[in-house]
Amino acid sequence: MFKVRSAFPFLWMIVLSCTLLWGCSEDETIKAREQQAIKLVKASKASEGNDTFTIISNVEKKIDDDNRAGNKWESNNWEGGLPSQKDLMMEKLSQFFTMFRPSGDYWVRFTYKDKDGTHEALWDVNIYSKKVTSKNELAQQLSKGS
């Protein structure tokens, strides 16, 4: 015979598991901040002495130059996210409790595919300080406009 008393710990474990899964999932606020990070990168004038051109204008120029050279891009995609699960939890907790302060650090990835394969540019972004940092060679090239 099944004892009711032994079922309570099991039910609490299920409730706790569901709560943790809900707490670790992304919500609309996080997605909006990821989009904000992507917009900051696109609008960034990351290279010194570059007062005119943004990263997105440099990307568009590279697309045009490569197309004219016969290296047509098949696809390109912008993505953003939090660096770790800890940052995700801090972002979520900060929505409900003011004692938790999120760092505001996000990563942004731009990928495209051409005849030479898939290429990836990575940036680190802080949405509060609006600081954008190139993390690899392609990101540095797109920031400089070369």
N, C-alpha and C. Protein backbone atom coordinates (compact mmCIF):
# COMPACT_ATOMS: atom_id res chain seq x y z
N MET A 1 0.84 -1.18 0.00
CA MET A 1 0.00 0.00 0.00
C MET A 1 0.88 1.25 0.00
N PHE A 2 0.50 2.23 -0.79
CA PHE A 2 1.26 3.48 -0.95
C PHE A 2 0.98 4.40 0.23
N LYS A 3 2.03 4.87 0.86
CA LYS A 3 1.87 5.75 2.01
C LYS A 3 1.88 7.20 1.56
N VAL A 4 0.93 7.95 2.06
CA VAL A 4 0.81 9.37 1.72
C VAL A 4 2.01 10.15 2.23
N ARG A 5 2.50 9.77 3.38
CA ARG A 5 3.61 10.47 4.00
C ARG A 5 4.87 10.42 3.13
N SER A 6 5.10 9.34 2.45
CA SER A 6 6.28 9.22 1.59
C SER A 6 6.11 9.98 0.28
N ALA A 7 4.91 10.36 -0.06
CA ALA A 7 4.65 11.10 -1.30
C ALA A 7 4.98 12.58 -1.18
N PHE A 8 4.93 13.15 0.03
CA PHE A 8 5.18 14.58 0.19
C PHE A 8 6.59 15.00 -0.22
N PRO A 9 7.65 14.32 0.20
CA PRO A 9 8.98 14.71 -0.26
C PRO A 9 9.12 14.63 -1.79
N PHE A 10 8.51 13.62 -2.36
CA PHE A 10 8.54 13.47 -3.81
C PHE A 10 7.83 14.65 -4.50
N LEU A 11 6.68 15.04 -3.97
CA LEU A 11 5.94 16.17 -4.55
C LEU A 11 6.74 17.47 -4.40
N TRP A 12 7.39 17.65 -3.25
CA TRP A 12 8.20 18.85 -3.05
C TRP A 12 9.37 18.88 -4.03
N MET A 13 9.97 17.72 -4.29
CA MET A 13 11.06 17.66 -5.26
C MET A 13 10.57 18.04 -6.66
N ILE A 14 9.40 17.61 -7.03
CA ILE A 14 8.83 17.96 -8.34
C ILE A 14 8.56 19.46 -8.41
N VAL A 15 7.95 20.01 -7.36
CA VAL A 15 7.67 21.46 -7.34
C VAL A 15 8.96 22.26 -7.41
N LEU A 16 9.97 21.87 -6.64
CA LEU A 16 11.25 22.56 -6.65
C LEU A 16 11.92 22.47 -8.02
N SER A 17 11.88 21.30 -8.63
CA SER A 17 12.47 21.12 -9.96
C SER A 17 11.79 22.00 -11.00
N CYS A 18 10.48 22.04 -10.97
CA CYS A 18 9.74 22.88 -11.92
C CYS A 18 10.04 24.36 -11.71
N THR A 19 10.17 24.76 -10.44
CA THR A 19 10.50 26.15 -10.13
C THR A 19 11.87 26.52 -10.65
N LEU A 20 12.84 25.63 -10.45
CA LEU A 20 14.20 25.89 -10.95
C LEU A 20 14.23 25.94 -12.47
N LEU A 21 13.51 25.05 -13.13
CA LEU A 21 13.46 25.09 -14.59
C LEU A 21 12.83 26.38 -15.08
N TRP A 22 11.77 26.83 -14.43
CA TRP A 22 11.12 28.08 -14.81
C TRP A 22 12.08 29.25 -14.59
N GLY A 23 12.78 29.21 -13.47
CA GLY A 23 13.70 30.29 -13.13
C GLY A 23 14.89 30.38 -14.07
N CYS A 24 15.28 29.30 -14.67
CA CYS A 24 16.45 29.29 -15.56
C CYS A 24 16.10 29.58 -17.01
N SER A 25 14.83 29.62 -17.32
CA SER A 25 14.44 29.87 -18.71
C SER A 25 14.50 31.37 -19.01
N GLU A 26 14.68 31.69 -20.27
CA GLU A 26 14.73 33.10 -20.67
C GLU A 26 13.32 33.65 -20.78
N ASP A 27 13.16 34.91 -20.43
CA ASP A 27 11.87 35.55 -20.58
C ASP A 27 12.00 36.73 -21.53
N GLU A 28 10.92 37.45 -21.70
CA GLU A 28 10.90 38.56 -22.66
C GLU A 28 11.86 39.69 -22.28
N THR A 29 12.05 39.92 -20.99
CA THR A 29 12.97 40.97 -20.55
C THR A 29 14.40 40.63 -20.96
N ILE A 30 14.78 39.37 -20.77
CA ILE A 30 16.13 38.94 -21.15
C ILE A 30 16.29 39.04 -22.66
N LYS A 31 15.29 38.60 -23.40
CA LYS A 31 15.36 38.67 -24.87
C LYS A 31 15.47 40.12 -25.34
N ALA A 32 14.75 41.02 -24.67
CA ALA A 32 14.83 42.44 -25.04
C ALA A 32 16.23 42.99 -24.77
N ARG A 33 16.85 42.57 -23.68
CA ARG A 33 18.22 43.02 -23.38
C ARG A 33 19.22 42.43 -24.36
N GLU A 34 18.98 41.19 -24.82
CA GLU A 34 19.84 40.61 -25.85
C GLU A 34 19.73 41.43 -27.14
N GLN A 35 18.52 41.83 -27.49
CA GLN A 35 18.34 42.66 -28.68
C GLN A 35 19.01 44.02 -28.50
N GLN A 36 18.96 44.55 -27.30
CA GLN A 36 19.64 45.81 -27.00
C GLN A 36 21.14 45.66 -27.20
N ALA A 37 21.70 44.54 -26.76
CA ALA A 37 23.14 44.28 -26.92
C ALA A 37 23.50 44.21 -28.41
N ILE A 38 22.66 43.56 -29.20
CA ILE A 38 22.90 43.47 -30.65
C ILE A 38 22.86 44.86 -31.27
N LYS A 39 21.88 45.66 -30.89
CA LYS A 39 21.78 47.03 -31.42
C LYS A 39 22.99 47.88 -31.04
N LEU A 40 23.49 47.69 -29.82
CA LEU A 40 24.68 48.44 -29.39
C LEU A 40 25.89 48.08 -30.25
N VAL A 41 26.04 46.80 -30.56
CA VAL A 41 27.16 46.39 -31.42
C VAL A 41 26.99 46.97 -32.81
N LYS A 42 25.82 46.84 -33.38
CA LYS A 42 25.58 47.35 -34.74
C LYS A 42 25.84 48.85 -34.83
N ALA A 43 25.48 49.58 -33.79
CA ALA A 43 25.63 51.04 -33.80
C ALA A 43 27.00 51.51 -33.32
N SER A 44 27.81 50.58 -32.85
CA SER A 44 29.10 50.94 -32.27
C SER A 44 30.07 51.48 -33.31
N LYS A 45 30.81 52.50 -32.89
CA LYS A 45 31.94 53.02 -33.67
C LYS A 45 33.18 52.59 -32.90
N ALA A 46 33.48 51.29 -33.00
CA ALA A 46 34.44 50.67 -32.09
C ALA A 46 35.89 51.06 -32.33
N SER A 47 36.26 51.35 -33.55
CA SER A 47 37.68 51.65 -33.78
C SER A 47 37.96 53.11 -33.49
N GLU A 48 39.15 53.36 -32.98
CA GLU A 48 39.53 54.73 -32.65
C GLU A 48 39.75 55.53 -33.93
N GLY A 49 39.31 56.76 -33.92
CA GLY A 49 39.44 57.61 -35.09
C GLY A 49 38.34 57.40 -36.11
N ASN A 50 37.42 56.49 -35.81
CA ASN A 50 36.32 56.20 -36.72
C ASN A 50 35.09 56.96 -36.22
N ASP A 51 34.88 58.16 -36.73
CA ASP A 51 33.75 58.98 -36.28
C ASP A 51 32.54 58.85 -37.19
N THR A 52 32.68 58.13 -38.30
CA THR A 52 31.63 58.10 -39.29
C THR A 52 30.94 56.75 -39.39
N PHE A 53 31.70 55.67 -39.45
CA PHE A 53 31.15 54.38 -39.80
C PHE A 53 30.90 53.50 -38.58
N THR A 54 29.74 52.85 -38.59
CA THR A 54 29.38 51.93 -37.53
C THR A 54 29.71 50.51 -37.99
N ILE A 55 29.63 49.58 -37.07
CA ILE A 55 29.90 48.18 -37.41
C ILE A 55 28.92 47.68 -38.45
N ILE A 56 27.65 48.04 -38.32
CA ILE A 56 26.67 47.55 -39.31
C ILE A 56 26.95 48.12 -40.70
N SER A 57 27.41 49.37 -40.77
CA SER A 57 27.75 49.91 -42.09
C SER A 57 28.97 49.21 -42.67
N ASN A 58 29.91 48.82 -41.80
CA ASN A 58 31.07 48.06 -42.26
C ASN A 58 30.67 46.66 -42.73
N VAL A 59 29.70 46.05 -42.06
CA VAL A 59 29.19 44.74 -42.48
C VAL A 59 28.53 44.86 -43.85
N GLU A 60 27.70 45.88 -44.02
CA GLU A 60 27.03 46.09 -45.31
C GLU A 60 28.04 46.33 -46.43
N LYS A 61 29.09 47.08 -46.14
CA LYS A 61 30.13 47.33 -47.13
C LYS A 61 30.84 46.03 -47.50
N LYS A 62 31.13 45.19 -46.49
CA LYS A 62 31.79 43.91 -46.76
C LYS A 62 30.89 43.02 -47.60
N ILE A 63 29.59 43.02 -47.33
CA ILE A 63 28.65 42.24 -48.15
C ILE A 63 28.73 42.70 -49.60
N ASP A 64 28.66 44.01 -49.83
CA ASP A 64 28.73 44.55 -51.20
C ASP A 64 30.05 44.23 -51.87
N ASP A 65 31.16 44.42 -51.15
CA ASP A 65 32.49 44.14 -51.72
C ASP A 65 32.63 42.66 -52.09
N ASP A 66 32.21 41.79 -51.19
CA ASP A 66 32.31 40.35 -51.46
C ASP A 66 31.40 39.94 -52.62
N ASN A 67 30.20 40.51 -52.69
CA ASN A 67 29.31 40.18 -53.81
C ASN A 67 29.92 40.61 -55.14
N ARG A 68 30.53 41.79 -55.18
CA ARG A 68 31.17 42.26 -56.41
C ARG A 68 32.36 41.39 -56.80
N ALA A 69 33.03 40.82 -55.79
CA ALA A 69 34.18 39.96 -56.05
C ALA A 69 33.76 38.51 -56.37
N GLY A 70 32.47 38.25 -56.39
CA GLY A 70 31.98 36.91 -56.71
C GLY A 70 31.88 35.98 -55.52
N ASN A 71 31.97 36.50 -54.34
CA ASN A 71 31.89 35.70 -53.11
C ASN A 71 30.58 36.03 -52.40
N LYS A 72 29.48 35.54 -52.96
CA LYS A 72 28.15 35.88 -52.44
C LYS A 72 27.90 35.19 -51.10
N TRP A 73 27.35 35.96 -50.16
CA TRP A 73 26.99 35.42 -48.86
C TRP A 73 25.66 34.69 -48.97
N GLU A 74 25.59 33.48 -48.41
CA GLU A 74 24.35 32.71 -48.43
C GLU A 74 23.42 33.13 -47.30
N SER A 75 24.00 33.41 -46.15
CA SER A 75 23.16 33.81 -45.01
C SER A 75 24.01 34.59 -44.02
N ASN A 76 23.34 35.42 -43.24
CA ASN A 76 24.01 36.08 -42.13
C ASN A 76 23.02 36.20 -40.98
N ASN A 77 23.55 36.19 -39.76
CA ASN A 77 22.69 36.13 -38.60
C ASN A 77 23.35 36.83 -37.42
N TRP A 78 22.55 37.57 -36.66
CA TRP A 78 23.00 38.21 -35.42
C TRP A 78 22.34 37.49 -34.26
N GLU A 79 23.14 37.18 -33.23
CA GLU A 79 22.62 36.56 -32.01
C GLU A 79 23.24 37.24 -30.80
N GLY A 80 22.52 37.19 -29.70
CA GLY A 80 23.05 37.73 -28.45
C GLY A 80 22.67 36.83 -27.30
N GLY A 81 23.42 36.93 -26.21
CA GLY A 81 23.11 36.11 -25.05
C GLY A 81 23.92 36.50 -23.84
N LEU A 82 23.62 35.84 -22.76
CA LEU A 82 24.35 36.04 -21.51
C LEU A 82 25.54 35.10 -21.46
N PRO A 83 26.64 35.53 -20.84
CA PRO A 83 27.85 34.71 -20.83
C PRO A 83 27.72 33.39 -20.05
N SER A 84 26.88 33.36 -19.00
CA SER A 84 26.81 32.14 -18.19
C SER A 84 25.43 31.99 -17.56
N GLN A 85 25.20 30.81 -17.02
CA GLN A 85 23.95 30.54 -16.31
C GLN A 85 23.84 31.41 -15.06
N LYS A 86 24.96 31.70 -14.42
CA LYS A 86 24.96 32.58 -13.24
C LYS A 86 24.44 33.97 -13.62
N ASP A 87 24.90 34.49 -14.77
CA ASP A 87 24.43 35.80 -15.22
C ASP A 87 22.94 35.78 -15.51
N LEU A 88 22.45 34.67 -16.07
CA LEU A 88 21.02 34.54 -16.33
C LEU A 88 20.24 34.59 -15.02
N MET A 89 20.70 33.86 -14.02
CA MET A 89 20.00 33.87 -12.72
C MET A 89 20.04 35.26 -12.08
N MET A 90 21.18 35.95 -12.16
CA MET A 90 21.27 37.30 -11.59
C MET A 90 20.32 38.25 -12.31
N GLU A 91 20.24 38.15 -13.64
CA GLU A 91 19.31 38.99 -14.40
C GLU A 91 17.87 38.73 -13.96
N LYS A 92 17.53 37.45 -13.82
CA LYS A 92 16.15 37.11 -13.43
C LYS A 92 15.84 37.56 -12.00
N LEU A 93 16.78 37.32 -11.08
CA LEU A 93 16.55 37.71 -9.69
C LEU A 93 16.47 39.23 -9.54
N SER A 94 17.23 39.96 -10.35
CA SER A 94 17.22 41.42 -10.25
C SER A 94 15.88 42.02 -10.68
N GLN A 95 15.09 41.26 -11.40
CA GLN A 95 13.76 41.74 -11.79
C GLN A 95 12.81 41.77 -10.59
N PHE A 96 13.09 40.94 -9.58
CA PHE A 96 12.20 40.81 -8.44
C PHE A 96 12.79 41.37 -7.14
N PHE A 97 14.12 41.36 -7.03
CA PHE A 97 14.77 41.79 -5.81
C PHE A 97 15.84 42.82 -6.14
N THR A 98 15.76 43.99 -5.53
CA THR A 98 16.71 45.06 -5.85
C THR A 98 18.10 44.81 -5.28
N MET A 99 18.25 43.87 -4.37
CA MET A 99 19.58 43.61 -3.82
C MET A 99 20.48 42.86 -4.80
N PHE A 100 19.89 42.28 -5.85
CA PHE A 100 20.68 41.61 -6.89
C PHE A 100 20.92 42.60 -8.02
N ARG A 101 22.17 42.82 -8.34
CA ARG A 101 22.53 43.75 -9.41
C ARG A 101 23.14 42.97 -10.56
N PRO A 102 22.48 42.95 -11.71
CA PRO A 102 23.05 42.23 -12.85
C PRO A 102 24.26 42.99 -13.40
N SER A 103 25.17 42.25 -13.97
CA SER A 103 26.39 42.88 -14.51
C SER A 103 26.12 43.62 -15.81
N GLY A 104 25.14 43.16 -16.56
CA GLY A 104 24.84 43.79 -17.86
C GLY A 104 25.73 43.29 -18.98
N ASP A 105 26.53 42.25 -18.70
CA ASP A 105 27.43 41.71 -19.72
C ASP A 105 26.69 40.72 -20.61
N TYR A 106 26.86 40.91 -21.91
CA TYR A 106 26.28 40.02 -22.91
C TYR A 106 27.33 39.74 -23.97
N TRP A 107 27.10 38.70 -24.75
CA TRP A 107 27.93 38.45 -25.93
C TRP A 107 27.05 38.64 -27.16
N VAL A 108 27.67 39.04 -28.25
CA VAL A 108 26.97 39.18 -29.53
C VAL A 108 27.79 38.44 -30.57
N ARG A 109 27.09 37.65 -31.38
CA ARG A 109 27.75 36.88 -32.43
C ARG A 109 27.11 37.21 -33.78
N PHE A 110 27.97 37.51 -34.75
CA PHE A 110 27.52 37.70 -36.13
C PHE A 110 28.14 36.59 -36.96
N THR A 111 27.31 35.80 -37.63
CA THR A 111 27.82 34.73 -38.47
C THR A 111 27.33 34.91 -39.90
N TYR A 112 28.18 34.52 -40.83
CA TYR A 112 27.77 34.49 -42.23
C TYR A 112 28.46 33.34 -42.92
N LYS A 113 27.86 32.92 -44.04
CA LYS A 113 28.39 31.79 -44.80
C LYS A 113 28.64 32.25 -46.22
N ASP A 114 29.83 31.94 -46.72
CA ASP A 114 30.17 32.24 -48.11
C ASP A 114 30.89 31.04 -48.71
N LYS A 115 31.53 31.23 -49.86
CA LYS A 115 32.17 30.09 -50.53
C LYS A 115 33.36 29.54 -49.73
N ASP A 116 33.91 30.33 -48.81
CA ASP A 116 35.03 29.89 -47.99
C ASP A 116 34.59 29.20 -46.69
N GLY A 117 33.29 29.12 -46.44
CA GLY A 117 32.78 28.47 -45.24
C GLY A 117 32.02 29.43 -44.35
N THR A 118 31.86 29.05 -43.11
CA THR A 118 31.13 29.85 -42.13
C THR A 118 32.12 30.70 -41.34
N HIS A 119 31.79 31.96 -41.16
CA HIS A 119 32.64 32.90 -40.43
C HIS A 119 31.86 33.45 -39.25
N GLU A 120 32.58 33.74 -38.16
CA GLU A 120 31.93 34.19 -36.94
C GLU A 120 32.71 35.34 -36.31
N ALA A 121 31.99 36.41 -36.02
CA ALA A 121 32.57 37.56 -35.30
C ALA A 121 31.93 37.60 -33.92
N LEU A 122 32.76 37.83 -32.89
CA LEU A 122 32.26 37.85 -31.51
C LEU A 122 32.62 39.16 -30.83
N TRP A 123 31.67 39.70 -30.09
CA TRP A 123 31.89 40.89 -29.29
C TRP A 123 31.37 40.65 -27.88
N ASP A 124 31.97 41.28 -26.90
CA ASP A 124 31.43 41.37 -25.55
C ASP A 124 30.82 42.76 -25.41
N VAL A 125 29.65 42.84 -24.79
CA VAL A 125 28.93 44.10 -24.66
C VAL A 125 28.44 44.25 -23.23
N ASN A 126 28.55 45.44 -22.69
CA ASN A 126 27.90 45.76 -21.43
C ASN A 126 26.80 46.76 -21.75
N ILE A 127 25.56 46.35 -21.52
CA ILE A 127 24.44 47.20 -21.93
C ILE A 127 24.27 48.42 -21.05
N TYR A 128 24.91 48.44 -19.86
CA TYR A 128 24.80 49.59 -18.97
C TYR A 128 25.88 50.62 -19.26
N SER A 129 27.10 50.16 -19.44
CA SER A 129 28.20 51.10 -19.74
C SER A 129 28.31 51.36 -21.25
N LYS A 130 27.62 50.54 -22.06
CA LYS A 130 27.62 50.63 -23.52
C LYS A 130 29.02 50.38 -24.11
N LYS A 131 29.81 49.60 -23.40
CA LYS A 131 31.15 49.27 -23.87
C LYS A 131 31.07 48.02 -24.75
N VAL A 132 31.67 48.12 -25.94
CA VAL A 132 31.71 47.02 -26.90
C VAL A 132 33.17 46.63 -27.11
N THR A 133 33.47 45.34 -26.96
CA THR A 133 34.84 44.85 -27.10
C THR A 133 34.87 43.72 -28.12
N SER A 134 35.73 43.84 -29.12
CA SER A 134 35.89 42.78 -30.11
C SER A 134 36.62 41.60 -29.47
N LYS A 135 36.14 40.38 -29.77
CA LYS A 135 36.73 39.20 -29.15
C LYS A 135 37.52 38.33 -30.13
N ASN A 136 37.39 38.56 -31.42
CA ASN A 136 38.18 37.78 -32.37
C ASN A 136 38.58 38.65 -33.56
N GLU A 137 39.35 38.07 -34.46
CA GLU A 137 39.92 38.84 -35.58
C GLU A 137 38.85 39.40 -36.51
N LEU A 138 37.83 38.60 -36.84
CA LEU A 138 36.78 39.08 -37.73
C LEU A 138 36.03 40.26 -37.10
N ALA A 139 35.77 40.18 -35.82
CA ALA A 139 35.09 41.29 -35.13
C ALA A 139 35.94 42.56 -35.19
N GLN A 140 37.25 42.41 -35.03
CA GLN A 140 38.15 43.56 -35.13
C GLN A 140 38.14 44.14 -36.54
N GLN A 141 38.14 43.29 -37.55
CA GLN A 141 38.10 43.77 -38.94
C GLN A 141 36.80 44.52 -39.22
N LEU A 142 35.67 43.97 -38.75
CA LEU A 142 34.39 44.63 -38.98
C LEU A 142 34.30 45.94 -38.20
N SER A 143 34.96 46.00 -37.06
CA SER A 143 34.96 47.24 -36.27
C SER A 143 35.79 48.31 -36.94
N LYS A 144 36.88 47.92 -37.59
CA LYS A 144 37.75 48.87 -38.28
C LYS A 144 37.23 49.26 -39.65
N GLY A 145 36.48 48.37 -40.24
CA GLY A 145 35.97 48.65 -41.58
C GLY A 145 36.89 48.21 -42.69
N SER A 146 37.77 47.26 -42.40
CA SER A 146 38.67 46.79 -43.46
C SER A 146 38.33 45.38 -43.85
